[in-house]
Amino acid sequence: MALKFTLLADPDKHVIKMYDVDGPLGIAVRRATYLIDQSRVVQGAVLADFRISRHEEFVRKASGAAKRAAS
């Protein structure tokens, strides 16, 4: 699937700390997905932690909304 948006990898944890999703004691990372528009405003977010299905559902809804908006 070709995506029309950028995905972010954050190996140095700069963004993780900025969005306060650093795990307990700074050891792990909480699973979080943010939908950020071109103006850099957060339009939606989900913390999935142990419920990966919530993360997947959020991404599917966001990508479906983006497809409908582009049509």
PDB file of N, CA and C in Angstrom:
ATOM      1  N   MET A   1       0.845  -1.168   0.000  1.00  0.00           N
ATOM      2  CA  MET A   1       0.000   0.000   0.000  1.00  0.00           C
ATOM      3  C   MET A   1       0.896   1.239   0.000  1.00  0.00           C
ATOM      4  N   ALA A   2       0.685   2.135  -0.900  1.00  0.00           N
ATOM      5  CA  ALA A   2       1.442   3.391  -0.948  1.00  0.00           C
ATOM      6  C   ALA A   2       0.754   4.423  -0.062  1.00  0.00           C
ATOM      7  N   LEU A   3       1.500   5.002   0.842  1.00  0.00           N
ATOM      8  CA  LEU A   3       0.940   6.000   1.747  1.00  0.00           C
ATOM      9  C   LEU A   3       1.226   7.404   1.234  1.00  0.00           C
ATOM     10  N   LYS A   4       0.258   8.289   1.391  1.00  0.00           N
ATOM     11  CA  LYS A   4       0.426   9.670   0.944  1.00  0.00           C
ATOM     12  C   LYS A   4       0.783  10.579   2.112  1.00  0.00           C
ATOM     13  N   PHE A   5       1.334   9.995   3.152  1.00  0.00           N
ATOM     14  CA  PHE A   5       1.745  10.765   4.310  1.00  0.00           C
ATOM     15  C   PHE A   5       3.022  10.149   4.874  1.00  0.00           C
ATOM     16  N   THR A   6       3.696  10.891   5.710  1.00  0.00           N
ATOM     17  CA  THR A   6       4.969  10.466   6.264  1.00  0.00           C
ATOM     18  C   THR A   6       4.772   9.734   7.584  1.00  0.00           C
ATOM     19  N   LEU A   7       5.458   8.622   7.745  1.00  0.00           N
ATOM     20  CA  LEU A   7       5.497   7.920   9.022  1.00  0.00           C
ATOM     21  C   LEU A   7       6.794   8.314   9.728  1.00  0.00           C
ATOM     22  N   LEU A   8       6.756   8.359  11.038  1.00  0.00           N
ATOM     23  CA  LEU A   8       7.900   8.811  11.819  1.00  0.00           C
ATOM     24  C   LEU A   8       8.520   7.662  12.593  1.00  0.00           C
ATOM     25  N   ALA A   9       9.829   7.544  12.525  1.00  0.00           N
ATOM     26  CA  ALA A   9      10.582   6.643  13.399  1.00  0.00           C
ATOM     27  C   ALA A   9      11.385   7.540  14.341  1.00  0.00           C
ATOM     28  N   ASP A  10      11.451   7.166  15.606  1.00  0.00           N
ATOM     29  CA  ASP A  10      12.068   8.033  16.610  1.00  0.00           C
ATOM     30  C   ASP A  10      13.027   7.248  17.506  1.00  0.00           C
ATOM     31  N   PRO A  11      14.128   6.729  16.931  1.00  0.00           N
ATOM     32  CA  PRO A  11      15.030   5.889  17.720  1.00  0.00           C
ATOM     33  C   PRO A  11      15.710   6.620  18.878  1.00  0.00           C
ATOM     34  N   ASP A  12      15.833   7.931  18.810  1.00  0.00           N
ATOM     35  CA  ASP A  12      16.481   8.687  19.884  1.00  0.00           C
ATOM     36  C   ASP A  12      15.500   9.220  20.926  1.00  0.00           C
ATOM     37  N   LYS A  13      14.224   8.895  20.773  1.00  0.00           N
ATOM     38  CA  LYS A  13      13.156   9.237  21.725  1.00  0.00           C
ATOM     39  C   LYS A  13      12.900  10.734  21.903  1.00  0.00           C
ATOM     40  N   HIS A  14      13.224  11.554  20.924  1.00  0.00           N
ATOM     41  CA  HIS A  14      12.945  12.986  21.033  1.00  0.00           C
ATOM     42  C   HIS A  14      11.442  13.250  21.005  1.00  0.00           C
ATOM     43  N   VAL A  15      10.762  12.685  20.043  1.00  0.00           N
ATOM     44  CA  VAL A  15       9.320  12.903  19.887  1.00  0.00           C
ATOM     45  C   VAL A  15       8.547  12.154  20.967  1.00  0.00           C
ATOM     46  N   ILE A  16       9.032  10.984  21.333  1.00  0.00           N
ATOM     47  CA  ILE A  16       8.391  10.201  22.396  1.00  0.00           C
ATOM     48  C   ILE A  16       8.288  11.025  23.670  1.00  0.00           C
ATOM     49  N   LYS A  17       9.359  11.706  24.023  1.00  0.00           N
ATOM     50  CA  LYS A  17       9.364  12.538  25.229  1.00  0.00           C
ATOM     51  C   LYS A  17       8.487  13.773  25.040  1.00  0.00           C
ATOM     52  N   MET A  18       8.488  14.329  23.839  1.00  0.00           N
ATOM     53  CA  MET A  18       7.676  15.507  23.548  1.00  0.00           C
ATOM     54  C   MET A  18       6.183  15.208  23.727  1.00  0.00           C
ATOM     55  N   TYR A  19       5.749  14.023  23.330  1.00  0.00           N
ATOM     56  CA  TYR A  19       4.339  13.634  23.434  1.00  0.00           C
ATOM     57  C   TYR A  19       4.042  12.826  24.693  1.00  0.00           C
ATOM     58  N   ASP A  20       5.019  12.734  25.584  1.00  0.00           N
ATOM     59  CA  ASP A  20       4.839  12.088  26.889  1.00  0.00           C
ATOM     60  C   ASP A  20       4.336  10.648  26.773  1.00  0.00           C
ATOM     61  N   VAL A  21       4.969   9.865  25.914  1.00  0.00           N
ATOM     62  CA  VAL A  21       4.609   8.453  25.790  1.00  0.00           C
ATOM     63  C   VAL A  21       5.780   7.544  26.155  1.00  0.00           C
ATOM     64  N   ASP A  22       6.730   8.110  26.895  1.00  0.00           N
ATOM     65  CA  ASP A  22       7.831   7.311  27.410  1.00  0.00           C
ATOM     66  C   ASP A  22       7.268   6.316  28.417  1.00  0.00           C
ATOM     67  N   GLY A  23       7.735   5.104  28.397  1.00  0.00           N
ATOM     68  CA  GLY A  23       7.216   4.069  29.282  1.00  0.00           C
ATOM     69  C   GLY A  23       7.654   4.243  30.721  1.00  0.00           C
ATOM     70  N   PRO A  24       7.209   3.356  31.584  1.00  0.00           N
ATOM     71  CA  PRO A  24       7.579   3.420  32.996  1.00  0.00           C
ATOM     72  C   PRO A  24       9.095   3.414  33.178  1.00  0.00           C
ATOM     73  N   LEU A  25       9.591   4.319  33.985  1.00  0.00           N
ATOM     74  CA  LEU A  25      11.021   4.458  34.275  1.00  0.00           C
ATOM     75  C   LEU A  25      11.849   4.766  33.026  1.00  0.00           C
ATOM     76  N   GLY A  26      11.197   5.192  31.943  1.00  0.00           N
ATOM     77  CA  GLY A  26      11.905   5.538  30.710  1.00  0.00           C
ATOM     78  C   GLY A  26      12.487   4.348  29.980  1.00  0.00           C
ATOM     79  N   ILE A  27      12.053   3.148  30.350  1.00  0.00           N
ATOM     80  CA  ILE A  27      12.633   1.933  29.773  1.00  0.00           C
ATOM     81  C   ILE A  27      11.936   1.528  28.479  1.00  0.00           C
ATOM     82  N   ALA A  28      10.643   1.550  28.471  1.00  0.00           N
ATOM     83  CA  ALA A  28       9.889   1.102  27.294  1.00  0.00           C
ATOM     84  C   ALA A  28       9.229   2.317  26.637  1.00  0.00           C
ATOM     85  N   VAL A  29       8.458   2.055  25.628  1.00  0.00           N
ATOM     86  CA  VAL A  29       7.709   3.101  24.930  1.00  0.00           C
ATOM     87  C   VAL A  29       6.256   2.663  24.859  1.00  0.00           C
ATOM     88  N   ARG A  30       5.356   3.578  25.179  1.00  0.00           N
ATOM     89  CA  ARG A  30       3.932   3.269  25.052  1.00  0.00           C
ATOM     90  C   ARG A  30       3.563   3.365  23.573  1.00  0.00           C
ATOM     91  N   ARG A  31       2.700   2.476  23.108  1.00  0.00           N
ATOM     92  CA  ARG A  31       2.249   2.521  21.717  1.00  0.00           C
ATOM     93  C   ARG A  31       1.212   3.619  21.593  1.00  0.00           C
ATOM     94  N   ALA A  32       1.508   4.581  20.751  1.00  0.00           N
ATOM     95  CA  ALA A  32       0.604   5.713  20.552  1.00  0.00           C
ATOM     96  C   ALA A  32       0.595   6.079  19.079  1.00  0.00           C
ATOM     97  N   THR A  33      -0.550   6.532  18.622  1.00  0.00           N
ATOM     98  CA  THR A  33      -0.677   7.011  17.254  1.00  0.00           C
ATOM     99  C   THR A  33      -1.357   8.365  17.308  1.00  0.00           C
ATOM    100  N   TYR A  34      -0.773   9.318  16.641  1.00  0.00           N
ATOM    101  CA  TYR A  34      -1.324  10.670  16.570  1.00  0.00           C
ATOM    102  C   TYR A  34      -1.620  10.994  15.119  1.00  0.00           C
ATOM    103  N   LEU A  35      -2.748  11.611  14.871  1.00  0.00           N
ATOM    104  CA  LEU A  35      -3.096  12.097  13.547  1.00  0.00           C
ATOM    105  C   LEU A  35      -2.851  13.602  13.575  1.00  0.00           C
ATOM    106  N   ILE A  36      -1.853  14.052  12.830  1.00  0.00           N
ATOM    107  CA  ILE A  36      -1.427  15.450  12.851  1.00  0.00           C
ATOM    108  C   ILE A  36      -1.636  16.038  11.460  1.00  0.00           C
ATOM    109  N   ASP A  37      -2.321  17.180  11.392  1.00  0.00           N
ATOM    110  CA  ASP A  37      -2.586  17.776  10.087  1.00  0.00           C
ATOM    111  C   ASP A  37      -1.377  18.570   9.587  1.00  0.00           C
ATOM    112  N   GLN A  38      -1.506  19.156   8.394  1.00  0.00           N
ATOM    113  CA  GLN A  38      -0.391  19.878   7.793  1.00  0.00           C
ATOM    114  C   GLN A  38       0.011  21.117   8.580  1.00  0.00           C
ATOM    115  N   SER A  39      -0.870  21.608   9.425  1.00  0.00           N
ATOM    116  CA  SER A  39      -0.558  22.764  10.270  1.00  0.00           C
ATOM    117  C   SER A  39       0.087  22.331  11.588  1.00  0.00           C
ATOM    118  N   ARG A  40       0.365  21.038  11.698  1.00  0.00           N
ATOM    119  CA  ARG A  40       0.986  20.436  12.883  1.00  0.00           C
ATOM    120  C   ARG A  40       0.076  20.463  14.107  1.00  0.00           C
ATOM    121  N   VAL A  41      -1.223  20.397  13.873  1.00  0.00           N
ATOM    122  CA  VAL A  41      -2.208  20.347  14.943  1.00  0.00           C
ATOM    123  C   VAL A  41      -2.676  18.896  15.087  1.00  0.00           C
ATOM    124  N   VAL A  42      -2.690  18.401  16.313  1.00  0.00           N
ATOM    125  CA  VAL A  42      -3.141  17.030  16.560  1.00  0.00           C
ATOM    126  C   VAL A  42      -4.642  16.970  16.346  1.00  0.00           C
ATOM    127  N   GLN A  43      -5.069  16.121  15.413  1.00  0.00           N
ATOM    128  CA  GLN A  43      -6.491  15.958  15.099  1.00  0.00           C
ATOM    129  C   GLN A  43      -7.092  14.737  15.778  1.00  0.00           C
ATOM    130  N   GLY A  44      -6.254  13.862  16.272  1.00  0.00           N
ATOM    131  CA  GLY A  44      -6.730  12.669  16.949  1.00  0.00           C
ATOM    132  C   GLY A  44      -5.559  11.899  17.514  1.00  0.00           C
ATOM    133  N   ALA A  45      -5.834  11.068  18.503  1.00  0.00           N
ATOM    134  CA  ALA A  45      -4.772  10.265  19.113  1.00  0.00           C
ATOM    135  C   ALA A  45      -5.371   9.034  19.760  1.00  0.00           C
ATOM    136  N   VAL A  46      -4.563   8.008  19.870  1.00  0.00           N
ATOM    137  CA  VAL A  46      -4.968   6.808  20.592  1.00  0.00           C
ATOM    138  C   VAL A  46      -3.731   6.233  21.272  1.00  0.00           C
ATOM    139  N   LEU A  47      -3.897   5.862  22.534  1.00  0.00           N
ATOM    140  CA  LEU A  47      -2.870   5.113  23.256  1.00  0.00           C
ATOM    141  C   LEU A  47      -3.345   3.674  23.289  1.00  0.00           C
ATOM    142  N   ALA A  48      -2.589   2.777  22.713  1.00  0.00           N
ATOM    143  CA  ALA A  48      -3.030   1.402  22.600  1.00  0.00           C
ATOM    144  C   ALA A  48      -2.383   0.486  23.639  1.00  0.00           C
ATOM    145  N   ASP A  49      -1.222   0.850  24.146  1.00  0.00           N
ATOM    146  CA  ASP A  49      -0.490   0.047  25.124  1.00  0.00           C
ATOM    147  C   ASP A  49      -0.640  -1.449  24.861  1.00  0.00           C
ATOM    148  N   PHE A  50      -1.486  -2.130  25.617  1.00  0.00           N
ATOM    149  CA  PHE A  50      -1.607  -3.578  25.470  1.00  0.00           C
ATOM    150  C   PHE A  50      -2.738  -3.994  24.541  1.00  0.00           C
ATOM    151  N   ARG A  51      -3.495  -3.038  24.043  1.00  0.00           N
ATOM    152  CA  ARG A  51      -4.608  -3.356  23.136  1.00  0.00           C
ATOM    153  C   ARG A  51      -4.255  -2.884  21.732  1.00  0.00           C
ATOM    154  N   ILE A  52      -3.475  -3.692  21.054  1.00  0.00           N
ATOM    155  CA  ILE A  52      -2.991  -3.344  19.723  1.00  0.00           C
ATOM    156  C   ILE A  52      -4.160  -3.112  18.763  1.00  0.00           C
ATOM    157  N   SER A  53      -5.261  -3.797  18.971  1.00  0.00           N
ATOM    158  CA  SER A  53      -6.409  -3.648  18.067  1.00  0.00           C
ATOM    159  C   SER A  53      -6.930  -2.211  18.068  1.00  0.00           C
ATOM    160  N   ARG A  54      -6.834  -1.492  19.193  1.00  0.00           N
ATOM    161  CA  ARG A  54      -7.266  -0.088  19.238  1.00  0.00           C
ATOM    162  C   ARG A  54      -6.399   0.753  18.316  1.00  0.00           C
ATOM    163  N   HIS A  55      -5.104   0.475  18.280  1.00  0.00           N
ATOM    164  CA  HIS A  55      -4.169   1.185  17.411  1.00  0.00           C
ATOM    165  C   HIS A  55      -4.509   0.913  15.944  1.00  0.00           C
ATOM    166  N   GLU A  56      -4.691  -0.341  15.628  1.00  0.00           N
ATOM    167  CA  GLU A  56      -5.010  -0.730  14.245  1.00  0.00           C
ATOM    168  C   GLU A  56      -6.336  -0.112  13.800  1.00  0.00           C
ATOM    169  N   GLU A  57      -7.330  -0.140  14.656  1.00  0.00           N
ATOM    170  CA  GLU A  57      -8.640   0.435  14.329  1.00  0.00           C
ATOM    171  C   GLU A  57      -8.528   1.940  14.071  1.00  0.00           C
ATOM    172  N   PHE A  58      -7.761   2.641  14.895  1.00  0.00           N
ATOM    173  CA  PHE A  58      -7.564   4.079  14.729  1.00  0.00           C
ATOM    174  C   PHE A  58      -6.910   4.388  13.381  1.00  0.00           C
ATOM    175  N   VAL A  59      -5.871   3.634  13.039  1.00  0.00           N
ATOM    176  CA  VAL A  59      -5.153   3.851  11.775  1.00  0.00           C
ATOM    177  C   VAL A  59      -6.075   3.564  10.589  1.00  0.00           C
ATOM    178  N   ARG A  60      -6.853   2.493  10.662  1.00  0.00           N
ATOM    179  CA  ARG A  60      -7.776   2.165   9.563  1.00  0.00           C
ATOM    180  C   ARG A  60      -8.826   3.268   9.379  1.00  0.00           C
ATOM    181  N   LYS A  61      -9.389   3.768  10.482  1.00  0.00           N
ATOM    182  CA  LYS A  61     -10.381   4.843  10.390  1.00  0.00           C
ATOM    183  C   LYS A  61      -9.759   6.116   9.829  1.00  0.00           C
ATOM    184  N   ALA A  62      -8.563   6.460  10.293  1.00  0.00           N
ATOM    185  CA  ALA A  62      -7.884   7.665   9.820  1.00  0.00           C
ATOM    186  C   ALA A  62      -7.551   7.565   8.341  1.00  0.00           C
ATOM    187  N   SER A  63      -7.061   6.414   7.899  1.00  0.00           N
ATOM    188  CA  SER A  63      -6.708   6.268   6.492  1.00  0.00           C
ATOM    189  C   SER A  63      -7.972   6.240   5.631  1.00  0.00           C
ATOM    190  N   GLY A  64      -9.054   5.667   6.136  1.00  0.00           N
ATOM    191  CA  GLY A  64     -10.335   5.678   5.406  1.00  0.00           C
ATOM    192  C   GLY A  64     -10.876   7.084   5.278  1.00  0.00           C
ATOM    193  N   ALA A  65     -10.769   7.883   6.342  1.00  0.00           N
ATOM    194  CA  ALA A  65     -11.228   9.277   6.306  1.00  0.00           C
ATOM    195  C   ALA A  65     -10.401  10.086   5.319  1.00  0.00           C
ATOM    196  N   ALA A  66      -9.101   9.816   5.285  1.00  0.00           N
ATOM    197  CA  ALA A  66      -8.215  10.531   4.355  1.00  0.00           C
ATOM    198  C   ALA A  66      -8.570  10.186   2.917  1.00  0.00           C
ATOM    199  N   LYS A  67      -8.877   8.930   2.659  1.00  0.00           N
ATOM    200  CA  LYS A  67      -9.271   8.512   1.305  1.00  0.00           C
ATOM    201  C   LYS A  67     -10.574   9.188   0.886  1.00  0.00           C
ATOM    202  N   ARG A  68     -11.546   9.241   1.810  1.00  0.00           N
ATOM    203  CA  ARG A  68     -12.824   9.877   1.486  1.00  0.00           C
ATOM    204  C   ARG A  68     -12.641  11.377   1.240  1.00  0.00           C
ATOM    205  N   ALA A  69     -11.776  12.021   1.998  1.00  0.00           N
ATOM    206  CA  ALA A  69     -11.539  13.450   1.835  1.00  0.00           C
ATOM    207  C   ALA A  69     -10.847  13.761   0.512  1.00  0.00           C
ATOM    208  N   ALA A  70     -10.023  12.829   0.058  1.00  0.00           N
ATOM    209  CA  ALA A  70      -9.293  13.040  -1.197  1.00  0.00           C
ATOM    210  C   ALA A  70     -10.187  12.820  -2.421  1.00  0.00           C
ATOM    211  N   SER A  71     -11.292  12.107  -2.256  1.00  0.00           N
ATOM    212  CA  SER A  71     -12.173  11.807  -3.405  1.00  0.00           C
ATOM    213  C   SER A  71     -13.044  12.974  -3.769  1.00  0.00           C
TER     214      SER A  71
END
